[in-house]
């Protein structure tokens, strides 16, 4: 039975949104439909979605035929936009799903099959490509102290942009083997019903530590509850006494601030140009392109089901039977670390080779020391024997 909070239809809608990403996207998609209905609910301002939604509910329960008609009109309008290339056909379906969820949560029964028949299926995926390693390097060279940590973590961890709203210092745990950090485990959506874990590369953890150490050097207290992404402070000031004050008061910033920083870097580094000749999309998406990069390269050497789990995807019925351990996922992830590392000097393979060289050198020195000591003892014993042979034992007695 559906739980209905009759006093606020919009709260019923929000109640059904469990995943953090759904909480972010569904209200925005539903608002597109509500704005389309603005002439009918013109007394409600555009910027107040809750009042818009509740006004729509009041009209809908009185006249369901009106809702059917307006939904069909809305779909037809969006199809025209899709034909012009303004939106994708998949976007229409996303708008429809948001409107349908609102109606279902408020027991507004409509002819959903009839309405959905007019919606083109479209493609489930876009035609954008993933960014190249060279492009990602350029993005990471952008002069913002946070950019290296943010980009390398998203590239090697594959998590969504919305994860930054929840990611704290306590959610990151480095994993060491033989004195080398081989990866770090991070908790995504910590404390939420959709919580899961993934891993990031040694490179990403290195840049993250540098960022956290930078904050500490300016006087910020780094606590378990400290958010990893915070506002920037003024690091140069004619009055240097003000500098610590800026750093001591960290402010949590939204996922949109992360997105804006990434987009600024892309534009500033010359990786994006204004669209021309009717183009509607850039070659690669800003933040979501990193998630696609992770999936593309990880699947070259990992089990696809493991990649899906680290992406936080629901693997359907398989999830009820296939339960890999954290160590099994880690072992598979380590196969992909080098492919998910952006700068050559940070590659795990290189570090392992350096460690092996050091171990070989230590082994050689140990062998040489034992050999030299053995020869020294042998030489001393020989000299002692010569001395003893020259001593007249009878005279001594």
Protein backbone atom coordinates (compact mmCIF):
# COMPACT_ATOMS: atom_id res chain seq x y z
CA UNK A 1 0.00 0.00 0.00
CA UNK A 2 1.34 3.44 -0.92
CA UNK A 3 2.05 5.80 1.97
CA UNK A 4 0.27 9.07 1.28
CA UNK A 5 0.90 12.27 3.19
CA UNK A 6 -2.30 14.01 2.12
CA UNK A 7 -1.40 17.41 3.54
CA UNK A 8 1.51 17.88 1.09
CA UNK A 9 1.51 16.13 -2.31
CA UNK A 10 5.01 17.37 -3.08
CA UNK A 11 6.35 15.66 0.06
CA UNK A 12 4.78 12.41 -1.16
CA UNK A 13 6.80 12.79 -4.35
CA UNK A 14 10.07 13.52 -2.52
CA UNK A 15 9.41 10.62 -0.14
CA UNK A 16 9.70 8.18 -3.06
CA UNK A 17 13.16 9.43 -4.03
CA UNK A 18 15.63 7.18 -2.22
CA UNK A 19 18.88 7.55 -4.13
CA UNK A 20 20.78 10.85 -3.73
CA UNK A 21 21.02 11.16 -7.52
CA UNK A 22 17.23 10.76 -7.84
CA UNK A 23 16.70 13.41 -5.17
CA UNK A 24 18.78 15.75 -7.28
CA UNK A 25 17.39 15.03 -10.73
CA UNK A 26 13.70 14.13 -10.38
CA UNK A 27 12.50 17.47 -8.91
CA UNK A 28 14.28 19.36 -11.71
CA UNK A 29 12.74 17.13 -14.36
CA UNK A 30 9.29 17.42 -12.84
CA UNK A 31 9.63 21.19 -12.71
CA UNK A 32 10.04 21.30 -16.50
CA UNK A 33 6.54 19.84 -16.78
CA UNK A 34 5.18 22.22 -14.11
CA UNK A 35 6.65 25.22 -15.94
CA UNK A 36 4.93 24.01 -19.12
CA UNK A 37 1.64 24.21 -17.19
CA UNK A 38 2.34 27.74 -15.95
CA UNK A 39 -0.68 29.34 -17.69
CA UNK A 40 -2.99 27.02 -15.76
CA UNK A 41 -1.21 27.57 -12.43
CA UNK A 42 -0.17 31.14 -13.11
CA UNK A 43 -0.75 32.33 -9.55
CA UNK A 44 2.27 30.31 -8.41
CA UNK A 45 5.75 31.79 -9.07
CA UNK A 46 8.23 29.80 -11.18
CA UNK A 47 10.86 29.48 -8.45
CA UNK A 48 8.64 27.68 -5.92
CA UNK A 49 8.39 24.08 -7.10
CA UNK A 50 6.53 22.85 -4.01
CA UNK A 51 3.74 25.38 -4.49
CA UNK A 52 3.66 24.60 -8.22
CA UNK A 53 3.39 20.87 -7.53
CA UNK A 54 0.63 21.26 -4.95
CA UNK A 55 -1.32 23.60 -7.24
CA UNK A 56 -1.03 21.01 -10.02
CA UNK A 57 -2.34 18.34 -7.65
CA UNK A 58 -5.39 20.46 -6.79
CA UNK A 59 -6.27 20.76 -10.49
CA UNK A 60 -5.44 17.12 -11.28
CA UNK A 61 -7.75 15.51 -8.70
CA UNK A 62 -10.63 17.57 -10.04
CA UNK A 63 -10.09 16.78 -13.71
CA UNK A 64 -7.98 13.74 -14.67
CA UNK A 65 -8.89 14.16 -18.33
CA UNK A 66 -7.19 17.56 -18.23
CA UNK A 67 -4.01 15.93 -16.87
CA UNK A 68 -4.09 13.26 -19.61
CA UNK A 69 -4.46 15.92 -22.29
CA UNK A 70 -1.76 18.22 -20.90
CA UNK A 71 0.74 15.37 -20.50
CA UNK A 72 0.21 14.41 -24.14
CA UNK A 73 0.63 18.08 -25.13
CA UNK A 74 3.82 18.25 -23.10
CA UNK A 75 5.23 15.12 -24.75
CA UNK A 76 4.34 16.45 -28.21
CA UNK A 77 6.06 19.76 -27.43
CA UNK A 78 9.23 17.98 -26.26
CA UNK A 79 9.26 15.73 -29.34
CA UNK A 80 9.38 18.89 -31.50
CA UNK A 81 12.35 20.07 -29.44
CA UNK A 82 14.06 16.71 -29.92
CA UNK A 83 13.54 16.87 -33.70
CA UNK A 84 15.26 20.28 -33.68
CA UNK A 85 18.14 18.77 -31.74
CA UNK A 86 17.51 20.88 -28.63
CA UNK A 87 17.16 17.80 -26.37
CA UNK A 88 17.59 14.04 -26.74
CA UNK A 89 14.64 11.66 -27.02
CA UNK A 90 15.78 10.00 -23.80
CA UNK A 91 15.30 13.32 -22.00
CA UNK A 92 11.58 13.22 -22.87
CA UNK A 93 11.25 9.86 -21.16
CA UNK A 94 13.01 11.22 -18.08
CA UNK A 95 10.55 14.12 -17.87
CA UNK A 96 7.68 11.66 -18.23
CA UNK A 97 8.99 9.40 -15.45
CA UNK A 98 9.18 12.29 -13.00
CA UNK A 99 5.60 13.41 -13.74
CA UNK A 100 4.35 9.82 -13.51
CA UNK A 101 6.02 9.28 -10.14
CA UNK A 102 4.36 12.38 -8.72
CA UNK A 103 0.96 11.22 -9.90
CA UNK A 104 1.44 7.67 -8.65
CA UNK A 105 2.55 8.83 -5.20
CA UNK A 106 -0.60 10.94 -4.98
CA UNK A 107 -2.95 8.28 -6.40
CA UNK A 108 -3.75 10.19 -9.57
CA UNK A 109 -4.66 7.33 -11.92
CA UNK A 110 -4.12 8.07 -15.59
CA UNK A 111 -3.92 6.17 -18.89
CA UNK A 112 -0.17 5.72 -18.65
CA UNK A 113 0.07 3.18 -21.45
CA UNK A 114 -1.68 5.50 -23.87
CA UNK A 115 0.50 8.45 -22.89
CA UNK A 116 3.77 6.49 -23.06
CA UNK A 117 3.03 5.06 -26.51
CA UNK A 118 3.72 8.46 -28.03
CA UNK A 119 7.18 8.77 -26.45
CA UNK A 120 10.05 7.76 -28.77
CA UNK A 121 12.41 5.28 -27.15
CA UNK A 122 15.56 7.03 -28.23
CA UNK A 123 18.99 5.83 -27.20
CA UNK A 124 19.80 4.85 -23.64
CA UNK A 125 23.22 6.47 -24.01
CA UNK A 126 24.60 9.64 -25.52
CA UNK A 127 26.97 9.88 -28.46
CA UNK A 128 29.61 11.78 -26.50
CA UNK A 129 33.08 10.29 -26.15
CA UNK A 130 35.25 9.91 -23.08
CA UNK A 131 38.05 12.43 -22.48
CA UNK A 132 41.55 11.27 -23.38
CA UNK A 133 44.33 10.90 -20.82
CA UNK A 134 46.06 13.94 -22.37
CA UNK A 135 42.89 16.01 -21.95
CA UNK A 136 42.49 14.90 -18.34
CA UNK A 137 46.13 15.86 -17.67
CA UNK A 138 45.41 19.34 -19.00
CA UNK A 139 42.34 19.65 -16.79
CA UNK A 140 44.41 18.62 -13.77
CA UNK A 141 47.00 21.29 -14.63
CA UNK A 142 44.40 24.02 -14.06
CA UNK A 143 45.60 26.32 -11.23
CA UNK A 144 43.11 25.35 -8.52
CA UNK A 145 44.55 23.48 -5.53
CA UNK A 146 41.55 21.13 -5.46
CA UNK A 147 41.48 20.05 -9.09
CA UNK A 148 44.08 17.25 -9.04
CA UNK A 149 42.39 15.48 -6.12
CA UNK A 150 38.87 15.93 -7.49
CA UNK A 151 39.58 14.77 -11.05
CA UNK A 152 41.88 11.85 -10.18
CA UNK A 153 39.38 10.60 -7.58
CA UNK A 154 36.47 10.72 -10.02
CA UNK A 155 38.51 9.12 -12.81
CA UNK A 156 39.81 6.24 -10.68
CA UNK A 157 36.73 5.86 -8.46
CA UNK A 158 33.96 6.24 -11.02
CA UNK A 159 31.55 7.88 -8.58
CA UNK A 160 28.87 10.42 -9.46
CA UNK A 161 29.15 14.18 -9.11
CA UNK A 162 26.48 14.15 -6.39
CA UNK A 163 28.77 12.09 -4.14
CA UNK A 164 30.75 15.20 -3.21
CA UNK A 165 27.82 16.37 -1.08
CA UNK A 166 28.52 13.47 1.32
CA UNK A 167 32.24 12.69 1.03
CA UNK A 168 34.14 13.29 4.29
CA UNK A 169 37.71 12.59 5.40
CA UNK A 170 36.55 9.62 7.50
CA UNK A 171 35.22 7.97 4.33
CA UNK A 172 38.71 7.50 2.87
CA UNK A 173 41.00 4.67 4.06
CA UNK A 174 44.37 3.93 2.38
CA UNK A 175 45.31 0.31 1.64
CA UNK A 176 48.97 -0.65 2.04
CA UNK A 177 50.97 -3.65 0.90
CA UNK A 178 54.68 -4.07 1.67
CA UNK A 179 54.96 -0.41 2.59
CA UNK A 180 53.30 0.89 -0.59
CA UNK A 181 49.80 2.39 -0.85
CA UNK A 182 48.17 0.34 -3.61
CA UNK A 183 44.70 1.92 -3.43
CA UNK A 184 42.28 3.61 -1.04
CA UNK A 185 38.76 2.56 -0.14
CA UNK A 186 36.13 5.29 -0.14
CA UNK A 187 32.56 5.21 1.13
CA UNK A 188 30.05 6.81 -1.26
CA UNK A 189 26.81 8.38 0.09
CA UNK A 190 27.95 7.60 3.65
CA UNK A 191 25.01 7.19 6.02
CA UNK A 192 22.43 7.08 3.21
CA UNK A 193 20.36 4.07 2.19
CA UNK A 194 22.30 3.98 -1.10
CA UNK A 195 25.70 3.78 0.61
CA UNK A 196 28.32 1.66 -1.15
CA UNK A 197 32.11 1.62 -1.50
CA UNK A 198 34.58 1.88 -4.32
CA UNK A 199 38.34 2.37 -4.62
CA UNK A 200 40.60 5.14 -5.86
CA UNK A 201 44.13 4.88 -7.24
CA UNK A 202 47.34 5.59 -5.29
CA UNK A 203 47.72 8.68 -7.47
CA UNK A 204 44.31 9.98 -6.39
CA UNK A 205 45.08 9.32 -2.73
CA UNK A 206 48.42 11.10 -3.10
CA UNK A 207 46.75 14.22 -4.53
CA UNK A 208 44.03 14.05 -1.89
CA UNK A 209 46.64 13.93 0.90
CA UNK A 210 48.43 16.90 -0.63
CA UNK A 211 45.15 18.85 -0.65
CA UNK A 212 44.33 17.95 2.97
CA UNK A 213 47.91 18.77 4.06
CA UNK A 214 47.62 22.13 2.31
CA UNK A 215 44.50 22.92 4.31
CA UNK A 216 46.23 21.83 7.52
CA UNK A 217 49.24 24.04 6.76
CA UNK A 218 46.92 27.07 6.67
CA UNK A 219 45.55 26.28 10.11
CA UNK A 220 42.43 24.26 9.38
CA UNK A 221 41.73 21.42 11.81
CA UNK A 222 41.30 18.29 9.72
CA UNK A 223 38.74 16.09 11.45
CA UNK A 224 36.95 12.87 10.52
CA UNK A 225 33.86 14.95 9.77
CA UNK A 226 35.72 17.40 7.51
CA UNK A 227 34.23 17.50 4.02
CA UNK A 228 36.81 16.74 1.35
CA UNK A 229 35.62 19.48 -0.99
CA UNK A 230 35.43 22.90 0.61
CA UNK A 231 35.55 26.54 -0.46
CA UNK A 232 38.88 28.13 -1.36
CA UNK A 233 40.39 30.78 0.86
CA UNK A 234 42.54 33.75 -0.02
CA UNK A 235 46.14 32.54 0.21
CA UNK A 236 47.80 35.88 -0.54
CA UNK A 237 46.88 39.06 1.26
CA UNK A 238 48.58 42.37 1.91
CA UNK A 239 47.52 41.87 5.50
CA UNK A 240 48.86 38.36 6.19
CA UNK A 241 47.14 38.28 9.57
CA UNK A 242 43.86 37.69 7.75
CA UNK A 243 45.08 34.60 5.89
CA UNK A 244 44.53 31.99 8.65
CA UNK A 245 41.03 33.35 9.30
CA UNK A 246 40.00 32.51 5.73
CA UNK A 247 41.26 28.93 6.03
CA UNK A 248 40.04 28.24 9.56
CA UNK A 249 36.36 28.46 8.65
CA UNK A 250 35.75 25.83 5.95
CA UNK A 251 32.42 25.97 4.16
CA UNK A 252 30.87 22.93 2.56
CA UNK A 253 30.08 23.63 -1.07
CA UNK A 254 27.58 21.93 -3.34
CA UNK A 255 28.14 19.49 -6.18
CA UNK A 256 27.42 22.37 -8.55
CA UNK A 257 30.52 24.15 -7.26
CA UNK A 258 32.55 21.06 -8.14
CA UNK A 259 30.95 20.99 -11.57
CA UNK A 260 31.66 24.68 -12.13
CA UNK A 261 35.31 24.23 -11.14
CA UNK A 262 35.72 21.35 -13.60
CA UNK A 263 33.99 23.27 -16.38
CA UNK A 264 36.14 26.36 -15.73
CA UNK A 265 39.22 24.17 -16.03
CA UNK A 266 38.01 22.63 -19.31
CA UNK A 267 37.36 26.04 -20.86
CA UNK A 268 40.50 27.67 -19.46
CA UNK A 269 42.72 24.85 -20.75
CA UNK A 270 41.36 25.25 -24.27
CA UNK A 271 39.54 21.90 -24.31
CA UNK A 272 36.12 23.31 -25.10
CA UNK A 273 34.98 25.71 -27.77
CA UNK A 274 31.59 27.38 -28.37
CA UNK A 275 29.17 25.11 -30.23
CA UNK A 276 28.71 25.88 -33.92
CA UNK A 277 26.63 24.83 -36.93
CA UNK A 278 23.67 23.61 -34.94
CA UNK A 279 25.73 21.48 -32.54
CA UNK A 280 23.94 20.76 -29.26
CA UNK A 281 26.57 18.84 -27.34
CA UNK A 282 30.27 19.08 -26.68
CA UNK A 283 32.55 16.15 -27.52
CA UNK A 284 32.75 14.92 -23.95
CA UNK A 285 30.79 15.69 -20.81
CA UNK A 286 32.55 17.46 -18.01
CA UNK A 287 32.16 15.46 -14.80
CA UNK A 288 30.20 12.50 -16.18
CA UNK A 289 32.96 11.97 -18.73
CA UNK A 290 35.23 10.84 -15.88
CA UNK A 291 32.71 8.19 -14.84
CA UNK A 292 32.58 6.92 -18.41
CA UNK A 293 36.39 6.90 -18.50
CA UNK A 294 36.43 4.69 -15.40
CA UNK A 295 33.93 2.23 -16.85
CA UNK A 296 35.62 2.08 -20.26
CA UNK A 297 39.12 1.35 -18.95
CA UNK A 298 38.19 -0.75 -15.92
CA UNK A 299 36.15 -3.16 -18.05
CA UNK A 300 39.24 -3.89 -20.17
CA UNK A 301 40.81 -5.83 -17.29
CA UNK A 302 38.08 -6.34 -14.67
CA UNK A 303 34.97 -8.47 -14.46
CA UNK A 304 32.09 -6.32 -15.78
CA UNK A 305 29.94 -7.20 -12.75
CA UNK A 306 32.69 -5.89 -10.45
CA UNK A 307 32.85 -2.64 -12.41
CA UNK A 308 29.08 -2.25 -12.05
CA UNK A 309 29.30 -2.76 -8.30
CA UNK A 310 32.06 -0.17 -7.96
CA UNK A 311 29.93 2.23 -10.00
CA UNK A 312 27.14 1.78 -7.47
CA UNK A 313 24.82 0.16 -10.01
CA UNK A 314 22.12 -2.32 -9.15
CA UNK A 315 23.06 -5.63 -10.79
CA UNK A 316 19.51 -6.96 -10.56
CA UNK A 317 18.82 -10.57 -9.69
CA UNK A 318 22.52 -11.37 -9.80
CA UNK A 319 22.97 -9.22 -6.72
CA UNK A 320 20.93 -11.66 -4.67
CA UNK A 321 23.29 -14.55 -5.48
CA UNK A 322 26.66 -13.04 -6.30
CA UNK A 323 28.29 -11.47 -3.26
CA UNK A 324 32.01 -10.82 -3.88
CA UNK A 325 34.06 -9.92 -0.82
CA UNK A 326 35.76 -6.57 -0.44
CA UNK A 327 39.12 -8.27 -0.98
CA UNK A 328 37.93 -9.92 -4.20
CA UNK A 329 36.81 -6.54 -5.53
CA UNK A 330 40.11 -4.98 -4.48
CA UNK A 331 42.19 -7.68 -6.18
CA UNK A 332 40.26 -7.16 -9.40
CA UNK A 333 40.47 -3.37 -9.08
CA UNK A 334 44.26 -3.54 -8.74
CA UNK A 335 44.34 -4.94 -12.28
CA UNK A 336 42.94 -1.60 -13.48
CA UNK A 337 44.97 0.81 -11.36
CA UNK A 338 47.58 1.58 -14.01
CA UNK A 339 44.90 2.20 -16.64
CA UNK A 340 43.16 4.63 -14.25
CA UNK A 341 46.35 6.52 -13.39
CA UNK A 342 46.79 9.76 -15.31
CA UNK A 343 50.37 10.87 -14.70
CA UNK A 344 53.14 8.42 -15.54
CA UNK A 345 55.22 9.09 -12.44
CA UNK A 346 52.34 7.92 -10.24
CA UNK A 347 51.84 4.52 -11.84
CA UNK A 348 51.70 1.69 -9.32
CA UNK A 349 53.68 -0.56 -11.68
CA UNK A 350 56.57 1.90 -11.60
CA UNK A 351 56.47 2.07 -7.81
CA UNK A 352 56.48 -1.72 -7.55
CA UNK A 353 59.44 -1.88 -9.93
CA UNK A 354 61.29 0.71 -7.85
CA UNK A 355 60.54 -1.26 -4.68
CA UNK A 356 61.72 -4.47 -6.36
CA UNK A 357 64.94 -2.75 -7.38
CA UNK A 358 65.48 -1.60 -3.81
CA UNK A 359 64.74 -5.06 -2.47
CA UNK A 360 67.18 -6.55 -5.00
CA UNK A 361 69.80 -4.04 -3.95
CA UNK A 362 69.26 -4.86 -0.27
CA UNK A 363 69.43 -8.58 -1.02
CA UNK A 364 72.70 -8.06 -2.94
CA UNK A 365 74.22 -5.99 -0.12
CA UNK A 366 73.17 -8.63 2.41
CA UNK A 367 74.70 -11.36 0.24
CA UNK A 368 77.91 -9.34 -0.23
CA UNK A 369 78.14 -8.63 3.50
CA UNK A 370 77.73 -12.33 4.43
CA UNK A 371 80.27 -13.34 1.77
CA UNK A 372 82.81 -10.73 2.95
CA UNK A 373 82.33 -11.75 6.58
CA UNK A 374 82.81 -15.43 5.68
CA UNK A 375 86.03 -14.66 3.78
CA UNK A 376 87.23 -12.46 6.63
CA UNK A 377 86.64 -15.22 9.20
CA UNK A 378 88.41 -17.72 6.94
CA UNK A 379 91.38 -15.36 6.54
CA UNK A 380 91.59 -14.76 10.30
CA UNK A 381 91.46 -18.47 11.04
CA UNK A 382 94.26 -19.07 8.53
CA UNK A 383 96.46 -16.38 10.08
CA UNK A 384 95.75 -17.68 13.56
CA UNK A 385 96.78 -21.17 12.48
CA UNK A 386 100.05 -19.80 11.09
CA UNK A 387 100.83 -18.00 14.33
CA UNK A 388 100.08 -21.05 16.42
CA UNK A 389 102.29 -23.21 14.23
CA UNK A 390 105.30 -21.02 15.04
CA UNK A 391 104.85 -21.12 18.79
CA UNK A 392 106.95 -23.73 20.66
CA UNK A 393 104.43 -25.26 23.03
CA UNK A 394 107.20 -27.14 25.02
CA UNK A 395 108.97 -23.90 25.93
CA UNK A 396 105.70 -22.44 27.11
CA UNK A 397 105.15 -25.40 29.41
